[in-house]
C-alpha atoms as a PDB file:
ATOM      1  CA  MET A   1       0.000   0.000   0.000  1.00  0.00           C
ATOM      2  CA  SER A   2       1.191   3.491  -0.826  1.00  0.00           C
ATOM      3  CA  TYR A   3       0.247   6.146   1.716  1.00  0.00           C
ATOM      4  CA  PHE A   4       0.315   9.063  -0.736  1.00  0.00           C
ATOM      5  CA  TYR A   5      -1.407   9.906  -4.022  1.00  0.00           C
ATOM      6  CA  GLY A   6      -1.362  12.857  -6.379  1.00  0.00           C
ATOM      7  CA  PRO A   7      -0.877  15.770  -6.177  1.00  0.00           C
ATOM      8  CA  VAL A   8      -4.585  15.766  -7.042  1.00  0.00           C
ATOM      9  CA  PRO A   9      -6.347  18.719  -8.691  1.00  0.00           C
ATOM     10  CA  SER A  10      -8.888  19.760  -6.072  1.00  0.00           C
ATOM     11  CA  ARG A  11     -11.752  22.159  -6.657  1.00  0.00           C
ATOM     12  CA  ARG A  12     -11.111  23.613  -3.202  1.00  0.00           C
ATOM     13  CA  LEU A  13      -7.439  23.145  -2.390  1.00  0.00           C
ATOM     14  CA  GLY A  14      -5.566  23.636  -5.652  1.00  0.00           C
ATOM     15  CA  LEU A  15      -2.964  20.872  -5.995  1.00  0.00           C
ATOM     16  CA  SER A  16      -3.336  18.557  -3.026  1.00  0.00           C
ATOM     17  CA  LEU A  17      -0.977  15.729  -2.054  1.00  0.00           C
ATOM     18  CA  GLY A  18      -3.350  13.133  -0.637  1.00  0.00           C
ATOM     19  CA  VAL A  19      -2.590  11.033   2.439  1.00  0.00           C
ATOM     20  CA  ASP A  20      -4.430   7.707   2.747  1.00  0.00           C
ATOM     21  CA  LEU A  21      -3.964   6.055   6.150  1.00  0.00           C
ATOM     22  CA  LEU A  22      -6.688   3.408   6.098  1.00  0.00           C
ATOM     23  CA  PRO A  23      -7.617   0.128   4.436  1.00  0.00           C
ATOM     24  CA  LYS A  24     -10.166   0.583   1.631  1.00  0.00           C
ATOM     25  CA  LYS A  25     -13.534   1.967   2.709  1.00  0.00           C
ATOM     26  CA  SER A  26     -12.905   2.013   6.452  1.00  0.00           C
ATOM     27  CA  CYS A  27     -15.649   4.402   7.423  1.00  0.00           C
ATOM     28  CA  SER A  28     -18.210   5.270  10.061  1.00  0.00           C
ATOM     29  CA  PHE A  29     -20.743   6.363   7.420  1.00  0.00           C
ATOM     30  CA  ASP A  30     -22.248   4.865   4.293  1.00  0.00           C
ATOM     31  CA  CYS A  31     -23.107   8.087   2.476  1.00  0.00           C
ATOM     32  CA  LEU A  32     -25.473   7.983  -0.482  1.00  0.00           C
ATOM     33  CA  TYR A  33     -23.007   9.899  -2.652  1.00  0.00           C
ATOM     34  CA  CYS A  34     -19.723   8.141  -1.734  1.00  0.00           C
ATOM     35  CA  GLN A  35     -17.425   7.751  -4.738  1.00  0.00           C
ATOM     36  CA  LEU A  36     -15.835   4.605  -3.258  1.00  0.00           C
ATOM     37  CA  GLY A  37     -19.010   2.551  -3.171  1.00  0.00           C
ATOM     38  CA  PRO A  38     -20.962   1.164  -0.192  1.00  0.00           C
ATOM     39  CA  SER A  39     -19.480   0.694   3.283  1.00  0.00           C
ATOM     40  CA  SER A  40     -19.988  -2.983   3.988  1.00  0.00           C
ATOM     41  CA  ASN A  41     -18.432  -2.699   7.454  1.00  0.00           C
ATOM     42  CA  LYS A  42     -19.164   0.584   9.206  1.00  0.00           C
ATOM     43  CA  ARG A  43     -16.887   1.010  12.212  1.00  0.00           C
ATOM     44  CA  LEU A  44     -16.090   3.334  15.088  1.00  0.00           C
ATOM     45  CA  LYS A  45     -13.057   1.635  16.644  1.00  0.00           C
ATOM     46  CA  ARG A  46      -9.851   3.606  16.142  1.00  0.00           C
ATOM     47  CA  LEU A  47      -6.698   1.677  15.217  1.00  0.00           C
ATOM     48  CA  PHE A  48      -3.129   2.422  14.117  1.00  0.00           C
ATOM     49  CA  TYR A  49      -2.648   1.095  10.584  1.00  0.00           C
ATOM     50  CA  ILE A  50       0.453   2.593   8.985  1.00  0.00           C
ATOM     51  CA  ASP A  51       4.106   1.602   8.995  1.00  0.00           C
ATOM     52  CA  ILE A  52       5.750   4.809  10.201  1.00  0.00           C
ATOM     53  CA  LYS A  53       9.125   4.024   8.600  1.00  0.00           C
ATOM     54  CA  LYS A  54       7.530   3.378   5.213  1.00  0.00           C
ATOM     55  CA  PHE A  55       5.346   6.468   5.579  1.00  0.00           C
ATOM     56  CA  LYS A  56       8.376   8.653   6.280  1.00  0.00           C
ATOM     57  CA  ARG A  57      10.361   7.074   3.414  1.00  0.00           C
ATOM     58  CA  GLU A  58       7.564   7.666   0.899  1.00  0.00           C
ATOM     59  CA  LEU A  59       7.091  11.271   2.010  1.00  0.00           C
ATOM     60  CA  ARG A  60      10.821  12.009   1.711  1.00  0.00           C
ATOM     61  CA  GLU A  61      10.870  10.484  -1.769  1.00  0.00           C
ATOM     62  CA  ILE A  62       8.001  12.729  -2.874  1.00  0.00           C
ATOM     63  CA  ILE A  63       9.241  16.020  -1.481  1.00  0.00           C
ATOM     64  CA  LYS A  64      12.842  15.622  -2.643  1.00  0.00           C
ATOM     65  CA  ASP A  65      11.679  16.555  -6.173  1.00  0.00           C
ATOM     66  CA  LYS A  66      10.154  19.794  -4.824  1.00  0.00           C
ATOM     67  CA  PRO A  67       6.690  19.147  -6.289  1.00  0.00           C
ATOM     68  CA  GLN A  68       4.071  21.833  -6.760  1.00  0.00           C
ATOM     69  CA  ILE A  69       1.775  21.316  -3.750  1.00  0.00           C
ATOM     70  CA  ASP A  70      -0.770  23.689  -2.220  1.00  0.00           C
ATOM     71  CA  TYR A  71      -1.878  21.380   0.614  1.00  0.00           C
ATOM     72  CA  ILE A  72      -1.021  18.002   2.113  1.00  0.00           C
ATOM     73  CA  THR A  73      -4.467  16.551   2.717  1.00  0.00           C
ATOM     74  CA  ILE A  74      -5.307  13.700   5.097  1.00  0.00           C
ATOM     75  CA  SER A  75      -8.384  12.110   3.561  1.00  0.00           C
ATOM     76  CA  GLY A  76      -8.139   9.006   1.368  1.00  0.00           C
ATOM     77  CA  SER A  77     -10.306   5.897   1.172  1.00  0.00           C
ATOM     78  CA  GLY A  78     -12.020   6.131   4.543  1.00  0.00           C
ATOM     79  CA  GLU A  79     -12.702   8.377   7.535  1.00  0.00           C
ATOM     80  CA  PRO A  80      -9.221   9.538   8.662  1.00  0.00           C
ATOM     81  CA  THR A  81     -10.177  10.107  12.303  1.00  0.00           C
ATOM     82  CA  LEU A  82     -10.546   6.315  12.612  1.00  0.00           C
ATOM     83  CA  HIS A  83      -6.735   6.282  12.643  1.00  0.00           C
ATOM     84  CA  ASN A  84      -5.120   6.592  16.058  1.00  0.00           C
ATOM     85  CA  ASN A  85      -2.431   9.143  16.933  1.00  0.00           C
ATOM     86  CA  LEU A  86      -3.176  11.630  14.174  1.00  0.00           C
ATOM     87  CA  ASP A  87      -1.213  14.203  16.152  1.00  0.00           C
ATOM     88  CA  LYS A  88       1.974  12.181  15.640  1.00  0.00           C
ATOM     89  CA  ILE A  89       1.285  11.817  11.925  1.00  0.00           C
ATOM     90  CA  ILE A  90       0.616  15.538  11.474  1.00  0.00           C
ATOM     91  CA  ALA A  91       3.771  16.372  13.454  1.00  0.00           C
ATOM     92  CA  LEU A  92       5.805  13.984  11.285  1.00  0.00           C
ATOM     93  CA  ILE A  93       4.500  15.567   8.069  1.00  0.00           C
ATOM     94  CA  LYS A  94       5.341  19.051   9.298  1.00  0.00           C
ATOM     95  CA  LYS A  95       8.815  18.006  10.464  1.00  0.00           C
ATOM     96  CA  GLU A  96       9.734  16.182   7.240  1.00  0.00           C
ATOM     97  CA  THR A  97       8.454  18.990   5.006  1.00  0.00           C
ATOM     98  CA  LYS A  98       9.840  21.722   7.278  1.00  0.00           C
ATOM     99  CA  ASN A  99       6.360  23.276   7.367  1.00  0.00           C
ATOM    100  CA  ARG A 100       6.535  24.116   3.651  1.00  0.00           C
ATOM    101  CA  PHE A 101       2.996  22.906   3.028  1.00  0.00           C
ATOM    102  CA  PRO A 102      -0.138  23.469   5.127  1.00  0.00           C
ATOM    103  CA  VAL A 103      -1.806  20.306   6.389  1.00  0.00           C
ATOM    104  CA  CYS A 104      -5.526  19.829   5.782  1.00  0.00           C
ATOM    105  CA  LEU A 105      -7.778  17.178   7.338  1.00  0.00           C
ATOM    106  CA  ILE A 106     -11.054  16.254   5.622  1.00  0.00           C
ATOM    107  CA  THR A 107     -13.506  14.516   7.945  1.00  0.00           C
ATOM    108  CA  ASN A 108     -17.139  13.421   7.963  1.00  0.00           C
ATOM    109  CA  SER A 109     -17.402  14.858  11.517  1.00  0.00           C
ATOM    110  CA  SER A 110     -18.530  11.538  13.018  1.00  0.00           C
ATOM    111  CA  LEU A 111     -15.862  11.377  15.747  1.00  0.00           C
ATOM    112  CA  LEU A 112     -15.433  15.076  16.510  1.00  0.00           C
ATOM    113  CA  TYR A 113     -17.586  14.675  19.632  1.00  0.00           C
ATOM    114  CA  ARG A 114     -14.593  12.843  21.177  1.00  0.00           C
ATOM    115  CA  LYS A 115     -12.118  15.072  23.026  1.00  0.00           C
ATOM    116  CA  ASP A 116      -9.164  12.814  22.164  1.00  0.00           C
ATOM    117  CA  VAL A 117      -9.897  13.160  18.436  1.00  0.00           C
ATOM    118  CA  ARG A 118     -10.199  16.950  18.644  1.00  0.00           C
ATOM    119  CA  ARG A 119      -6.936  17.080  20.616  1.00  0.00           C
ATOM    120  CA  GLU A 120      -5.082  14.982  18.027  1.00  0.00           C
ATOM    121  CA  ILE A 121      -6.120  17.100  15.032  1.00  0.00           C
ATOM    122  CA  LYS A 122      -5.573  20.543  16.531  1.00  0.00           C
ATOM    123  CA  LYS A 123      -2.127  20.940  14.872  1.00  0.00           C
ATOM    124  CA  ALA A 124      -3.632  20.808  11.372  1.00  0.00           C
ATOM    125  CA  ASP A 125      -3.761  24.125   9.530  1.00  0.00           C
ATOM    126  CA  LEU A 126      -7.157  23.562   7.961  1.00  0.00           C
ATOM    127  CA  ILE A 127     -10.015  21.193   8.820  1.00  0.00           C
ATOM    128  CA  ILE A 128     -12.850  20.557   6.384  1.00  0.00           C
ATOM    129  CA  PRO A 129     -15.669  18.836   8.294  1.00  0.00           C
ATOM    130  CA  SER A 130     -18.903  17.742   6.632  1.00  0.00           C
ATOM    131  CA  LEU A 131     -22.438  18.627   7.655  1.00  0.00           C
ATOM    132  CA  ASP A 132     -24.817  17.146   5.090  1.00  0.00           C
ATOM    133  CA  ALA A 133     -27.976  17.386   7.151  1.00  0.00           C
ATOM    134  CA  ALA A 134     -29.700  19.970   9.312  1.00  0.00           C
ATOM    135  CA  CYS A 135     -31.952  17.525  11.181  1.00  0.00           C
ATOM    136  CA  ALA A 136     -31.801  13.928  12.411  1.00  0.00           C
ATOM    137  CA  LYS A 137     -34.155  12.535   9.757  1.00  0.00           C
ATOM    138  CA  THR A 138     -32.042  13.839   6.875  1.00  0.00           C
ATOM    139  CA  PHE A 139     -28.826  12.793   8.617  1.00  0.00           C
ATOM    140  CA  TYR A 140     -29.861   9.127   8.737  1.00  0.00           C
ATOM    141  CA  GLU A 141     -31.082   9.268   5.148  1.00  0.00           C
ATOM    142  CA  ILE A 142     -27.995  10.783   3.535  1.00  0.00           C
ATOM    143  CA  ASN A 143     -25.098   9.677   5.787  1.00  0.00           C
ATOM    144  CA  ARG A 144     -26.402   6.301   7.023  1.00  0.00           C
ATOM    145  CA  PRO A 145     -24.083   6.283  10.082  1.00  0.00           C
ATOM    146  CA  ALA A 146     -22.763   3.445  12.216  1.00  0.00           C
ATOM    147  CA  LYS A 147     -24.711   2.645  15.357  1.00  0.00           C
ATOM    148  CA  LYS A 148     -24.097   4.952  18.321  1.00  0.00           C
ATOM    149  CA  ILE A 149     -23.557   7.963  16.057  1.00  0.00           C
ATOM    150  CA  ASP A 150     -26.490  10.347  16.125  1.00  0.00           C
ATOM    151  CA  PHE A 151     -27.135  13.861  14.877  1.00  0.00           C
ATOM    152  CA  ARG A 152     -26.671  15.433  18.320  1.00  0.00           C
ATOM    153  CA  LYS A 153     -23.121  14.069  18.497  1.00  0.00           C
ATOM    154  CA  ILE A 154     -22.320  15.563  15.082  1.00  0.00           C
ATOM    155  CA  LEU A 155     -23.443  19.012  16.200  1.00  0.00           C
ATOM    156  CA  ALA A 156     -21.694  18.702  19.579  1.00  0.00           C
ATOM    157  CA  GLY A 157     -18.463  17.718  17.833  1.00  0.00           C
ATOM    158  CA  LEU A 158     -18.575  20.651  15.421  1.00  0.00           C
ATOM    159  CA  LEU A 159     -19.266  23.125  18.223  1.00  0.00           C
ATOM    160  CA  GLY A 160     -16.436  21.634  20.289  1.00  0.00           C
ATOM    161  CA  LEU A 161     -14.069  21.862  17.325  1.00  0.00           C
ATOM    162  CA  ARG A 162     -14.888  25.539  16.824  1.00  0.00           C
ATOM    163  CA  ARG A 163     -14.230  26.323  20.504  1.00  0.00           C
ATOM    164  CA  GLU A 164     -10.891  24.518  20.641  1.00  0.00           C
ATOM    165  CA  PHE A 165      -9.357  24.641  17.150  1.00  0.00           C
ATOM    166  CA  LYS A 166      -7.253  27.708  16.323  1.00  0.00           C
ATOM    167  CA  GLY A 167      -6.828  26.979  12.607  1.00  0.00           C
ATOM    168  CA  LYS A 168      -9.302  27.449   9.770  1.00  0.00           C
ATOM    169  CA  ILE A 169     -12.564  25.508   9.486  1.00  0.00           C
ATOM    170  CA  TRP A 170     -14.276  25.198   6.110  1.00  0.00           C
ATOM    171  CA  LEU A 171     -17.637  23.513   6.607  1.00  0.00           C
ATOM    172  CA  GLU A 172     -18.769  21.437   3.625  1.00  0.00           C
ATOM    173  CA  ILE A 173     -22.371  20.629   2.708  1.00  0.00           C
ATOM    174  CA  MET A 174     -22.974  18.064  -0.050  1.00  0.00           C
ATOM    175  CA  LEU A 175     -26.327  18.634  -1.751  1.00  0.00           C
ATOM    176  CA  VAL A 176     -28.302  15.680  -3.149  1.00  0.00           C
ATOM    177  CA  LYS A 177     -31.520  16.386  -5.026  1.00  0.00           C
ATOM    178  CA  GLY A 178     -34.636  15.385  -3.138  1.00  0.00           C
ATOM    179  CA  VAL A 179     -32.724  14.575   0.046  1.00  0.00           C
ATOM    180  CA  ASN A 180     -31.262  17.722   1.618  1.00  0.00           C
ATOM    181  CA  ASP A 181     -31.848  20.466  -0.966  1.00  0.00           C
ATOM    182  CA  SER A 182     -35.218  21.750   0.257  1.00  0.00           C
ATOM    183  CA  LEU A 183     -35.595  25.387   1.239  1.00  0.00           C
ATOM    184  CA  GLU A 184     -36.814  24.262   4.675  1.00  0.00           C
ATOM    185  CA  GLU A 185     -33.577  22.316   5.202  1.00  0.00           C
ATOM    186  CA  ALA A 186     -31.620  25.365   4.055  1.00  0.00           C
ATOM    187  CA  GLU A 187     -33.278  27.482   6.786  1.00  0.00           C
ATOM    188  CA  LYS A 188     -32.250  24.902   9.391  1.00  0.00           C
ATOM    189  CA  PHE A 189     -28.685  24.850   8.006  1.00  0.00           C
ATOM    190  CA  SER A 190     -28.565  28.630   8.364  1.00  0.00           C
ATOM    191  CA  ARG A 191     -29.471  28.513  12.067  1.00  0.00           C
ATOM    192  CA  ILE A 192     -26.946  25.759  12.805  1.00  0.00           C
ATOM    193  CA  ILE A 193     -24.104  27.472  10.940  1.00  0.00           C
ATOM    194  CA  LYS A 194     -24.631  30.692  12.890  1.00  0.00           C
ATOM    195  CA  LYS A 195     -23.828  28.666  16.020  1.00  0.00           C
ATOM    196  CA  ILE A 196     -20.809  26.819  14.587  1.00  0.00           C
ATOM    197  CA  LYS A 197     -19.249  29.964  13.048  1.00  0.00           C
ATOM    198  CA  PRO A 198     -16.946  28.275  10.483  1.00  0.00           C
ATOM    199  CA  ASP A 199     -14.453  30.432   8.595  1.00  0.00           C
ATOM    200  CA  LYS A 200     -16.072  29.376   5.350  1.00  0.00           C
ATOM    201  CA  VAL A 201     -19.106  27.397   4.195  1.00  0.00           C
ATOM    202  CA  GLN A 202     -18.783  25.426   0.979  1.00  0.00           C
ATOM    203  CA  LEU A 203     -21.769  24.057  -0.913  1.00  0.00           C
ATOM    204  CA  ASN A 204     -20.880  21.048  -3.033  1.00  0.00           C
ATOM    205  CA  ILE A 205     -22.610  18.492  -5.244  1.00  0.00           C
ATOM    206  CA  PRO A 206     -21.533  14.874  -5.941  1.00  0.00           C
ATOM    207  CA  VAL A 207     -19.912  15.340  -9.345  1.00  0.00           C
ATOM    208  CA  ARG A 208     -18.052  12.007  -9.262  1.00  0.00           C
ATOM    209  CA  PRO A 209     -19.816   8.678  -9.861  1.00  0.00           C
ATOM    210  CA  SER A 210     -21.171   6.710  -6.896  1.00  0.00           C
ATOM    211  CA  ALA A 211     -22.732   3.286  -6.424  1.00  0.00           C
ATOM    212  CA  LEU A 212     -26.204   4.836  -6.417  1.00  0.00           C
ATOM    213  CA  LYS A 213     -27.635   6.844  -9.293  1.00  0.00           C
ATOM    214  CA  LEU A 214     -28.266  10.225  -7.720  1.00  0.00           C
ATOM    215  CA  SER A 215     -29.888  13.303  -9.161  1.00  0.00           C
ATOM    216  CA  LEU A 216     -28.076  16.616  -8.904  1.00  0.00           C
ATOM    217  CA  PRO A 217     -29.885  19.816  -7.913  1.00  0.00           C
ATOM    218  CA  ASP A 218     -30.141  22.283 -10.794  1.00  0.00           C
ATOM    219  CA  LYS A 219     -28.260  25.555 -10.733  1.00  0.00           C
ATOM    220  CA  ARG A 220     -31.313  27.594  -9.738  1.00  0.00           C
ATOM    221  CA  ARG A 221     -32.009  25.426  -6.683  1.00  0.00           C
ATOM    222  CA  ILE A 222     -28.329  25.432  -5.635  1.00  0.00           C
ATOM    223  CA  LEU A 223     -28.231  29.235  -5.730  1.00  0.00           C
ATOM    224  CA  LYS A 224     -31.500  29.508  -3.773  1.00  0.00           C
ATOM    225  CA  VAL A 225     -30.222  27.167  -1.090  1.00  0.00           C
ATOM    226  CA  ALA A 226     -26.892  29.000  -0.953  1.00  0.00           C
ATOM    227  CA  LYS A 227     -28.582  32.365  -0.503  1.00  0.00           C
ATOM    228  CA  ILE A 228     -30.651  31.093   2.427  1.00  0.00           C
ATOM    229  CA  ILE A 229     -27.789  29.300   4.205  1.00  0.00           C
ATOM    230  CA  SER A 230     -25.270  32.138   4.323  1.00  0.00           C
ATOM    231  CA  ARG A 231     -24.322  35.366   2.600  1.00  0.00           C
ATOM    232  CA  ASP A 232     -20.685  34.275   2.539  1.00  0.00           C
ATOM    233  CA  ILE A 233     -21.238  30.747   1.233  1.00  0.00           C
ATOM    234  CA  GLU A 234     -19.003  29.442  -1.545  1.00  0.00           C
ATOM    235  CA  VAL A 235     -20.522  27.264  -4.267  1.00  0.00           C
ATOM    236  CA  VAL A 236     -17.689  24.928  -5.232  1.00  0.00           C
ATOM    237  CA  THR A 237     -17.230  24.704  -8.999  1.00  0.00           C
ATOM    238  CA  GLY A 238     -14.328  23.848 -11.287  1.00  0.00           C
ATOM    239  CA  PHE A 239     -10.634  23.386 -10.538  1.00  0.00           C
ATOM    240  CA  PRO A 240      -8.797  26.637  -9.721  1.00  0.00           C
ATOM    241  CA  GLY A 241      -5.284  25.440 -10.474  1.00  0.00           C
ATOM    242  CA  GLY A 242      -3.442  25.527 -13.773  1.00  0.00           C
ATOM    243  CA  LYS A 243      -1.706  22.868 -15.840  1.00  0.00           C
ATOM    244  CA  ARG A 244       1.425  21.257 -14.513  1.00  0.00           C
ATOM    245  CA  GLU A 245       4.520  20.831 -16.581  1.00  0.00           C
ATOM    246  CA  ALA A 246       4.442  17.385 -18.183  1.00  0.00           C
ATOM    247  CA  LYS A 247       7.122  14.984 -17.041  1.00  0.00           C
ATOM    248  CA  LYS A 248       7.822  11.295 -17.286  1.00  0.00           C
ATOM    249  CA  ILE A 249       6.939   9.210 -14.243  1.00  0.00           C
ATOM    250  CA  LYS A 250       8.202   5.714 -13.540  1.00  0.00           C
ATOM    251  CA  ASN A 251       5.656   2.999 -12.860  1.00  0.00           C
ATOM    252  CA  LEU A 252       2.836   5.103 -14.289  1.00  0.00           C
ATOM    253  CA  SER A 253       0.373   2.196 -14.296  1.00  0.00           C
ATOM    254  CA  THR A 254       0.891   1.663 -10.557  1.00  0.00           C
ATOM    255  CA  LYS A 255       0.425   5.362  -9.894  1.00  0.00           C
ATOM    256  CA  ILE A 256      -2.823   5.384 -11.889  1.00  0.00           C
ATOM    257  CA  ILE A 257      -4.169   2.420  -9.918  1.00  0.00           C
ATOM    258  CA  ASN A 258      -3.162   3.992  -6.584  1.00  0.00           C
ATOM    259  CA  PHE A 259      -4.921   7.195  -7.607  1.00  0.00           C
ATOM    260  CA  LEU A 260      -8.097   5.348  -8.620  1.00  0.00           C
ATOM    261  CA  LYS A 261      -8.189   3.422  -5.335  1.00  0.00           C
ATOM    262  CA  VAL A 262      -9.018   6.717  -3.686  1.00  0.00           C
ATOM    263  CA  ARG A 263     -11.308   8.344  -6.249  1.00  0.00           C
ATOM    264  CA  PRO A 264     -12.654   7.916  -9.782  1.00  0.00           C
ATOM    265  CA  ALA A 265     -10.984  10.284 -12.220  1.00  0.00           C
ATOM    266  CA  THR A 266     -11.362  11.630 -15.710  1.00  0.00           C
ATOM    267  CA  TYR A 267      -8.520  11.419 -18.203  1.00  0.00           C
ATOM    268  CA  LYS A 268      -7.823  15.105 -17.558  1.00  0.00           C
ATOM    269  CA  ASP A 269      -7.740  14.553 -13.758  1.00  0.00           C
ATOM    270  CA  LEU A 270      -5.132  11.821 -14.144  1.00  0.00           C
ATOM    271  CA  ALA A 271      -2.987  13.733 -16.619  1.00  0.00           C
ATOM    272  CA  ASN A 272      -2.974  16.909 -14.499  1.00  0.00           C
ATOM    273  CA  SER A 273      -2.402  15.127 -11.200  1.00  0.00           C
ATOM    274  CA  LEU A 274       0.363  12.805 -12.343  1.00  0.00           C
ATOM    275  CA  GLY A 275       1.944  15.412 -14.609  1.00  0.00           C
ATOM    276  CA  VAL A 276       2.476  13.142 -17.621  1.00  0.00           C
ATOM    277  CA  GLU A 277       2.404  13.745 -21.335  1.00  0.00           C
ATOM    278  CA  ARG A 278      -0.753  12.714 -23.182  1.00  0.00           C
ATOM    279  CA  ARG A 279       0.831   9.887 -25.151  1.00  0.00           C
ATOM    280  CA  SER A 280       2.210   8.199 -22.018  1.00  0.00           C
ATOM    281  CA  MET A 281      -1.126   8.523 -20.225  1.00  0.00           C
ATOM    282  CA  LYS A 282      -3.017   7.032 -23.171  1.00  0.00           C
ATOM    283  CA  LEU A 283      -0.639   4.091 -23.486  1.00  0.00           C
ATOM    284  CA  ALA A 284      -0.803   3.334 -19.763  1.00  0.00           C
ATOM    285  CA  SER A 285      -4.584   3.686 -19.438  1.00  0.00           C
ATOM    286  CA  ASP A 286      -5.241   1.632 -22.591  1.00  0.00           C
ATOM    287  CA  LEU A 287      -3.026  -1.151 -21.261  1.00  0.00           C
ATOM    288  CA  LEU A 288      -4.783  -1.147 -17.877  1.00  0.00           C
ATOM    289  CA  LEU A 289      -8.180  -1.268 -19.591  1.00  0.00           C
ATOM    290  CA  LYS A 290      -7.059  -4.162 -21.780  1.00  0.00           C
ATOM    291  CA  LYS A 291      -5.921  -6.085 -18.694  1.00  0.00           C
ATOM    292  CA  SER A 292      -9.228  -5.232 -16.935  1.00  0.00           C
ATOM    293  CA  GLN A 293      -7.282  -3.612 -14.086  1.00  0.00           C
ATOM    294  CA  ILE A 294      -9.312  -0.428 -14.475  1.00  0.00           C
ATOM    295  CA  LYS A 295     -12.771   0.284 -15.856  1.00  0.00           C
ATOM    296  CA  THR A 296     -14.658   3.192 -17.346  1.00  0.00           C
ATOM    297  CA  CYS A 297     -18.050   4.610 -16.489  1.00  0.00           C
ATOM    298  CA  TRP A 298     -20.076   7.639 -17.510  1.00  0.00           C
ATOM    299  CA  TYR A 299     -21.420  10.095 -14.973  1.00  0.00           C
ATOM    300  CA  ASN A 300     -22.947  13.503 -15.559  1.00  0.00           C
ATOM    301  CA  ARG A 301     -21.847  13.272 -19.221  1.00  0.00           C
ATOM    302  CA  LYS A 302     -18.210  12.722 -18.298  1.00  0.00           C
ATOM    303  CA  LYS A 303     -16.148   9.570 -18.737  1.00  0.00           C
ATOM    304  CA  TYR A 304     -14.369   8.395 -15.606  1.00  0.00           C
ATOM    305  CA  PHE A 305     -11.760   5.717 -14.930  1.00  0.00           C
ATOM    306  CA  THR A 306     -12.375   3.575 -11.835  1.00  0.00           C
ATOM    307  CA  ILE A 307     -11.274   0.262 -10.376  1.00  0.00           C
ATOM    308  CA  TYR A 308     -14.524  -0.535  -8.578  1.00  0.00           C
ATOM    309  CA  ASP A 309     -17.881  -1.801  -9.851  1.00  0.00           C
END
């Protein structure tokens, strides 16, 4: 297992070097929109998974080439707060990179009610927690949490994070048509967000393919919801970064597979993230398709590569 992927073109973070600490789909939720497919084994127990020596070796190998990176982002193929001792991992990243890159943690907010989790993540520079529901009914419908996680714990965790965390908090809301995009839900979101006081609120939609066929809210509804929730809300669209200089990368096929283990990607996503010339990317992706190591699917009129059904 490789612990790093990318840098990935992110609609929010520019070029983000991803950190994946967990076995595939280790999560406390089974969200309707998840790009990694269903969570067959929802869990809440925190464990230590990584080999620290290998983690450090891989990170040193990446940064020695002085890559273009805007953030180092702890996210990956599961809920990162299920990993123990995140404080040690964040400290290691900062030490090895000499604080050249800000560290971001993306979380579904499920374990933020725990003081030990909030303590471990307080050295991150940016935390992006999710809040996809403004009431218990919607929470169970869209996030489908593990037992013992309820909506009150989500809110308590977010309020505790705001009190204790000195870095930036960007609260993300993922809109799914017919589930949490009503104007009534938007009013409830507005009241909750006034209590949490995040530095930024980001409204997102599931643009990557998921196991379930979901409908996306239209632009008019998204803008209506955004206006109700907050005056300062950001509707996340497009990738803000530019093209990277093309360069040859060894073991391109392995890098493509490692990338796709974390998220489906378009041809353009792969080319930009891995920084390879078009001909090399085409040869590698065609070979992987021929060997059935990757697959293609269409979503929202875009063709994606994936390794999962």
